[in-house]
Amino acid sequence: MSSISSDQLKNIIEKIERLEEEKATVSTDIREVYAEAKSIGYDPKTIRQVVKIRKMDQDDFQEQEALLDTYMNALKMRPGSSSDS
């Protein structure tokens, strides 16, 4: 990049600023939906977890669940985990 076009740079910066504003609005909307869910009796923390899981690749999710189960059993935090230590 040998020369800087001030108009082009200004357009890029303004585009980023608009997107940042949209992101803030969307973030507020998402918080409101979680608050709504909570007000009707759902647990927002669990809903966040479900949303996160739904974004994951199925293989990654299964691998994470298996590893979590292994760790929980090793720490005797699951029913049926071995009691020898």
Protein backbone atom coordinates (compact mmCIF):
# COMPACT_ATOMS: atom_id res chain seq x y z
CA MET A 1 0.00 0.00 0.00
CA SER A 2 2.00 2.94 -1.27
CA SER A 3 -0.57 5.70 -1.04
CA ILE A 4 -3.49 6.18 1.26
CA SER A 5 -6.82 7.25 -0.14
CA SER A 6 -8.41 9.34 2.57
CA ASP A 7 -11.90 8.86 1.11
CA GLN A 8 -11.47 5.10 0.99
CA LEU A 9 -10.08 5.00 4.52
CA LYS A 10 -12.89 7.23 5.79
CA ASN A 11 -15.49 4.92 4.17
CA ILE A 12 -13.93 1.87 5.76
CA ILE A 13 -13.87 3.49 9.20
CA GLU A 14 -17.46 4.68 8.88
CA LYS A 15 -18.57 1.21 7.82
CA ILE A 16 -16.87 -0.31 10.87
CA GLU A 17 -18.50 2.30 13.11
CA ARG A 18 -21.96 1.48 11.71
CA LEU A 19 -21.36 -2.23 12.23
CA GLU A 20 -20.20 -1.60 15.80
CA GLU A 21 -23.45 0.30 16.43
CA GLU A 22 -25.47 -2.57 14.97
CA LYS A 23 -23.52 -5.03 17.10
CA ALA A 24 -24.36 -3.03 20.24
CA THR A 25 -28.03 -3.00 19.28
CA VAL A 26 -28.07 -6.74 18.64
CA SER A 27 -26.27 -7.35 21.93
CA THR A 28 -28.93 -5.35 23.76
CA ASP A 29 -31.67 -7.30 21.97
CA ILE A 30 -30.09 -10.59 22.99
CA ARG A 31 -29.88 -9.49 26.64
CA GLU A 32 -33.56 -8.56 26.50
CA VAL A 33 -34.49 -12.00 25.16
CA TYR A 34 -32.55 -13.69 27.98
CA ALA A 35 -34.33 -11.41 30.48
CA GLU A 36 -37.66 -12.35 28.92
CA ALA A 37 -36.81 -16.04 29.16
CA LYS A 38 -35.89 -15.59 32.82
CA SER A 39 -39.12 -13.72 33.55
CA ILE A 40 -41.16 -16.69 32.32
CA GLY A 41 -39.17 -19.21 34.31
CA TYR A 42 -36.30 -20.36 32.09
CA ASP A 43 -32.70 -20.38 33.31
CA PRO A 44 -30.67 -17.99 31.13
CA LYS A 45 -27.38 -19.71 31.99
CA THR A 46 -28.72 -23.01 30.68
CA ILE A 47 -30.15 -21.35 27.59
CA ARG A 48 -26.74 -19.80 26.88
CA GLN A 49 -25.21 -23.26 27.16
CA VAL A 50 -27.76 -24.71 24.73
CA VAL A 51 -27.11 -21.88 22.25
CA LYS A 52 -23.36 -22.55 22.52
CA ILE A 53 -23.85 -26.27 21.97
CA ARG A 54 -26.10 -25.71 18.94
CA LYS A 55 -23.28 -23.70 17.32
CA MET A 56 -20.80 -26.53 17.79
CA ASP A 57 -19.89 -29.21 15.29
CA GLN A 58 -21.50 -32.49 16.43
CA ASP A 59 -18.13 -34.29 16.64
CA ASP A 60 -16.61 -31.48 18.70
CA PHE A 61 -19.60 -31.54 21.03
CA GLN A 62 -19.39 -35.30 21.54
CA GLU A 63 -15.64 -35.10 22.17
CA GLN A 64 -16.14 -32.30 24.71
CA GLU A 65 -18.92 -34.23 26.46
CA ALA A 66 -16.79 -37.38 26.67
CA LEU A 67 -13.87 -35.43 28.10
CA LEU A 68 -16.12 -33.66 30.60
CA ASP A 69 -17.55 -37.01 31.67
CA THR A 70 -14.03 -38.41 32.11
CA TYR A 71 -12.97 -35.46 34.26
CA MET A 72 -16.16 -35.53 36.32
CA ASN A 73 -15.73 -39.26 36.98
CA ALA A 74 -12.07 -38.77 37.91
CA LEU A 75 -13.16 -36.16 40.45
CA LYS A 76 -15.97 -38.42 41.70
CA MET A 77 -18.54 -35.81 40.76
CA ARG A 78 -20.90 -38.19 38.91
CA PRO A 79 -23.07 -40.98 40.23
CA GLY A 80 -21.35 -44.29 39.66
CA SER A 81 -17.85 -42.84 39.51
CA SER A 82 -15.21 -45.01 41.13
CA SER A 83 -14.52 -44.34 44.79
CA ASP A 84 -10.86 -45.36 44.97
CA SER A 85 -8.24 -42.65 45.46
